[in-house]
Amino acid sequence: MTTKNSPEPFYSLARRAGDTLYLSGFGPVDSNLTIVGANIEEQTIFTMDLMKAVLESEGATFDDVVRVNVFLLNMADRDGFNTAYLRYFSGRMPTRRLIGAGDLFKGILVEIDCIAYLGDQDQGRAR
């Protein structure tokens, strides 16, 4: 089991258990806790790029992601979110849950977590 440490002491950014990699909730917040992006598309791109970096640091890609949970501050942002989100996946999409959260850290517009399967690459990759 491996753990990618967070700057916060109460959670890990990523944790691998066997063939499964779990990423914590990521949002459009830089290392200074400043919100990055003025709209849902910009915030989604920043968030997905953060997640991509953590996935890659663990030897994974978005092709390995099998489950995504999305929390939107405002469900009216769904179309804009989907436009940005689709840039990161090809082929078969992971399963997904999209929730209108109403209250997210510092008023960010989106928070995303995911689960990736890193076992048999032919079985775990999205098709």
C-alpha atoms as a PDB file:
ATOM      1  CA  MET A   1       0.000   0.000   0.000  1.00  0.00           C
ATOM      2  CA  THR A   2       1.380   3.429  -0.921  1.00  0.00           C
ATOM      3  CA  THR A   3       0.245   6.862   0.194  1.00  0.00           C
ATOM      4  CA  LYS A   4       0.762  10.244  -1.504  1.00  0.00           C
ATOM      5  CA  ASN A   5       0.862  12.734   1.350  1.00  0.00           C
ATOM      6  CA  SER A   6      -1.228  15.867   1.481  1.00  0.00           C
ATOM      7  CA  PRO A   7      -0.048  19.229   2.804  1.00  0.00           C
ATOM      8  CA  GLU A   8      -2.867  18.802   5.342  1.00  0.00           C
ATOM      9  CA  PRO A   9      -2.269  16.312   8.180  1.00  0.00           C
ATOM     10  CA  PHE A  10      -5.760  14.801   8.138  1.00  0.00           C
ATOM     11  CA  TYR A  11      -5.892  13.106   4.710  1.00  0.00           C
ATOM     12  CA  SER A  12      -3.825  11.737   1.824  1.00  0.00           C
ATOM     13  CA  LEU A  13      -4.016  13.053  -1.745  1.00  0.00           C
ATOM     14  CA  ALA A  14      -3.860   9.496  -3.044  1.00  0.00           C
ATOM     15  CA  ARG A  15      -3.710   6.081  -1.504  1.00  0.00           C
ATOM     16  CA  ARG A  16      -3.074   2.807  -3.256  1.00  0.00           C
ATOM     17  CA  ALA A  17      -4.442  -0.421  -1.853  1.00  0.00           C
ATOM     18  CA  GLY A  18      -3.424  -3.389  -3.969  1.00  0.00           C
ATOM     19  CA  ASP A  19      -4.533  -2.730  -7.545  1.00  0.00           C
ATOM     20  CA  THR A  20      -6.780   0.199  -6.620  1.00  0.00           C
ATOM     21  CA  LEU A  21      -5.788   3.861  -6.369  1.00  0.00           C
ATOM     22  CA  TYR A  22      -8.056   6.306  -4.533  1.00  0.00           C
ATOM     23  CA  LEU A  23      -7.717  10.056  -5.064  1.00  0.00           C
ATOM     24  CA  SER A  24      -9.132  12.479  -2.512  1.00  0.00           C
ATOM     25  CA  GLY A  25     -11.332  15.370  -3.509  1.00  0.00           C
ATOM     26  CA  PHE A  26      -9.479  17.867  -5.689  1.00  0.00           C
ATOM     27  CA  GLY A  27     -10.580  21.389  -6.440  1.00  0.00           C
ATOM     28  CA  PRO A  28      -9.277  24.487  -8.225  1.00  0.00           C
ATOM     29  CA  VAL A  29      -7.068  25.615  -5.358  1.00  0.00           C
ATOM     30  CA  ASP A  30      -3.329  26.241  -5.656  1.00  0.00           C
ATOM     31  CA  SER A  31      -0.669  25.571  -3.005  1.00  0.00           C
ATOM     32  CA  ASN A  32      -1.416  28.983  -1.425  1.00  0.00           C
ATOM     33  CA  LEU A  33      -5.110  28.008  -1.071  1.00  0.00           C
ATOM     34  CA  THR A  34      -6.038  30.565  -3.733  1.00  0.00           C
ATOM     35  CA  ILE A  35      -8.932  29.703  -6.035  1.00  0.00           C
ATOM     36  CA  VAL A  36      -7.801  29.332  -9.653  1.00  0.00           C
ATOM     37  CA  GLY A  37     -10.251  30.022 -12.477  1.00  0.00           C
ATOM     38  CA  ALA A  38     -13.135  32.423 -12.872  1.00  0.00           C
ATOM     39  CA  ASN A  39     -15.706  29.981 -14.305  1.00  0.00           C
ATOM     40  CA  ILE A  40     -16.606  26.295 -14.244  1.00  0.00           C
ATOM     41  CA  GLU A  41     -14.566  25.409 -17.326  1.00  0.00           C
ATOM     42  CA  GLU A  42     -11.374  27.027 -16.020  1.00  0.00           C
ATOM     43  CA  GLN A  43     -11.841  25.536 -12.561  1.00  0.00           C
ATOM     44  CA  THR A  44     -12.524  22.072 -13.984  1.00  0.00           C
ATOM     45  CA  ILE A  45      -9.426  22.173 -16.210  1.00  0.00           C
ATOM     46  CA  PHE A  46      -7.215  23.242 -13.284  1.00  0.00           C
ATOM     47  CA  THR A  47      -8.695  20.502 -11.078  1.00  0.00           C
ATOM     48  CA  MET A  48      -8.357  17.780 -13.710  1.00  0.00           C
ATOM     49  CA  ASP A  49      -4.746  18.818 -14.386  1.00  0.00           C
ATOM     50  CA  LEU A  50      -3.978  18.443 -10.658  1.00  0.00           C
ATOM     51  CA  MET A  51      -5.566  15.015 -10.655  1.00  0.00           C
ATOM     52  CA  LYS A  52      -3.651  14.043 -13.802  1.00  0.00           C
ATOM     53  CA  ALA A  53      -0.360  14.916 -12.094  1.00  0.00           C
ATOM     54  CA  VAL A  54      -1.191  12.797  -9.049  1.00  0.00           C
ATOM     55  CA  LEU A  55      -2.389   9.888 -11.193  1.00  0.00           C
ATOM     56  CA  GLU A  56       0.838  10.025 -13.204  1.00  0.00           C
ATOM     57  CA  SER A  57       2.954  10.163 -10.029  1.00  0.00           C
ATOM     58  CA  GLU A  58       1.354   6.823  -9.106  1.00  0.00           C
ATOM     59  CA  GLY A  59       1.861   5.288 -12.571  1.00  0.00           C
ATOM     60  CA  ALA A  60      -1.736   5.810 -13.717  1.00  0.00           C
ATOM     61  CA  THR A  61      -3.633   7.831 -16.306  1.00  0.00           C
ATOM     62  CA  PHE A  62      -7.252   8.848 -16.790  1.00  0.00           C
ATOM     63  CA  ASP A  63      -7.613   5.653 -18.859  1.00  0.00           C
ATOM     64  CA  ASP A  64      -7.240   3.747 -15.564  1.00  0.00           C
ATOM     65  CA  VAL A  65     -10.018   5.691 -13.818  1.00  0.00           C
ATOM     66  CA  VAL A  66     -13.125   3.577 -13.278  1.00  0.00           C
ATOM     67  CA  ARG A  67     -15.179   5.830 -10.959  1.00  0.00           C
ATOM     68  CA  VAL A  68     -15.519   9.610 -10.623  1.00  0.00           C
ATOM     69  CA  ASN A  69     -17.497  11.601  -8.064  1.00  0.00           C
ATOM     70  CA  VAL A  70     -18.216  15.231  -8.925  1.00  0.00           C
ATOM     71  CA  PHE A  71     -19.590  17.909  -6.642  1.00  0.00           C
ATOM     72  CA  LEU A  72     -20.819  21.118  -8.260  1.00  0.00           C
ATOM     73  CA  LEU A  73     -21.635  24.252  -6.313  1.00  0.00           C
ATOM     74  CA  ASN A  74     -24.343  24.995  -8.878  1.00  0.00           C
ATOM     75  CA  MET A  75     -26.011  22.333 -11.030  1.00  0.00           C
ATOM     76  CA  ALA A  76     -26.560  25.004 -13.695  1.00  0.00           C
ATOM     77  CA  ASP A  77     -22.802  24.594 -14.378  1.00  0.00           C
ATOM     78  CA  ARG A  78     -23.264  20.979 -15.511  1.00  0.00           C
ATOM     79  CA  ASP A  79     -22.902  21.647 -19.256  1.00  0.00           C
ATOM     80  CA  GLY A  80     -19.784  23.773 -18.797  1.00  0.00           C
ATOM     81  CA  PHE A  81     -18.313  21.155 -16.492  1.00  0.00           C
ATOM     82  CA  ASN A  82     -19.012  18.360 -18.987  1.00  0.00           C
ATOM     83  CA  THR A  83     -17.352  20.311 -21.808  1.00  0.00           C
ATOM     84  CA  ALA A  84     -14.097  20.587 -19.843  1.00  0.00           C
ATOM     85  CA  TYR A  85     -14.336  17.092 -18.293  1.00  0.00           C
ATOM     86  CA  LEU A  86     -14.630  15.330 -21.667  1.00  0.00           C
ATOM     87  CA  ARG A  87     -11.188  16.643 -22.675  1.00  0.00           C
ATOM     88  CA  TYR A  88      -9.591  14.167 -20.253  1.00  0.00           C
ATOM     89  CA  PHE A  89     -11.176  10.874 -21.273  1.00  0.00           C
ATOM     90  CA  SER A  90     -11.177   8.820 -24.458  1.00  0.00           C
ATOM     91  CA  GLY A  91     -13.031   5.648 -25.282  1.00  0.00           C
ATOM     92  CA  ARG A  92     -15.245   4.171 -22.603  1.00  0.00           C
ATOM     93  CA  MET A  93     -16.058   6.603 -19.809  1.00  0.00           C
ATOM     94  CA  PRO A  94     -15.693   5.802 -16.107  1.00  0.00           C
ATOM     95  CA  THR A  95     -18.820   5.523 -14.010  1.00  0.00           C
ATOM     96  CA  ARG A  96     -19.737   8.869 -12.510  1.00  0.00           C
ATOM     97  CA  ARG A  97     -21.858  10.478  -9.846  1.00  0.00           C
ATOM     98  CA  LEU A  98     -22.600  14.205 -10.154  1.00  0.00           C
ATOM     99  CA  ILE A  99     -24.029  15.971  -7.103  1.00  0.00           C
ATOM    100  CA  GLY A 100     -25.152  19.534  -6.504  1.00  0.00           C
ATOM    101  CA  ALA A 101     -23.265  20.285  -3.308  1.00  0.00           C
ATOM    102  CA  GLY A 102     -24.421  23.805  -2.489  1.00  0.00           C
ATOM    103  CA  ASP A 103     -21.399  24.513  -0.267  1.00  0.00           C
ATOM    104  CA  LEU A 104     -17.813  23.730  -1.235  1.00  0.00           C
ATOM    105  CA  PHE A 105     -14.449  24.783   0.229  1.00  0.00           C
ATOM    106  CA  LYS A 106     -13.897  28.540  -0.138  1.00  0.00           C
ATOM    107  CA  GLY A 107     -16.792  28.756  -2.623  1.00  0.00           C
ATOM    108  CA  ILE A 108     -15.073  26.752  -5.372  1.00  0.00           C
ATOM    109  CA  LEU A 109     -17.370  25.688  -8.193  1.00  0.00           C
ATOM    110  CA  VAL A 110     -16.243  22.042  -8.437  1.00  0.00           C
ATOM    111  CA  GLU A 111     -14.622  19.251  -6.448  1.00  0.00           C
ATOM    112  CA  ILE A 112     -13.719  15.867  -7.941  1.00  0.00           C
ATOM    113  CA  ASP A 113     -12.446  12.558  -6.575  1.00  0.00           C
ATOM    114  CA  CYS A 114     -11.829   9.280  -8.365  1.00  0.00           C
ATOM    115  CA  ILE A 115     -10.873   5.638  -8.158  1.00  0.00           C
ATOM    116  CA  ALA A 116      -8.434   4.034 -10.604  1.00  0.00           C
ATOM    117  CA  TYR A 117      -7.807   0.341 -11.198  1.00  0.00           C
ATOM    118  CA  LEU A 118      -4.140  -0.472 -11.794  1.00  0.00           C
ATOM    119  CA  GLY A 119      -4.249  -4.251 -12.031  1.00  0.00           C
ATOM    120  CA  ASP A 120      -4.408  -6.018 -15.353  1.00  0.00           C
ATOM    121  CA  GLN A 121      -3.973  -3.070 -17.721  1.00  0.00           C
ATOM    122  CA  ASP A 122      -6.179  -4.706 -20.349  1.00  0.00           C
ATOM    123  CA  GLN A 123      -9.014  -5.172 -17.831  1.00  0.00           C
ATOM    124  CA  GLY A 124      -8.745  -1.847 -15.999  1.00  0.00           C
ATOM    125  CA  ARG A 125      -8.381   0.535 -18.915  1.00  0.00           C
ATOM    126  CA  ALA A 126     -11.506   2.199 -20.155  1.00  0.00           C
ATOM    127  CA  ARG A 127     -12.781   0.771 -23.436  1.00  0.00           C
END
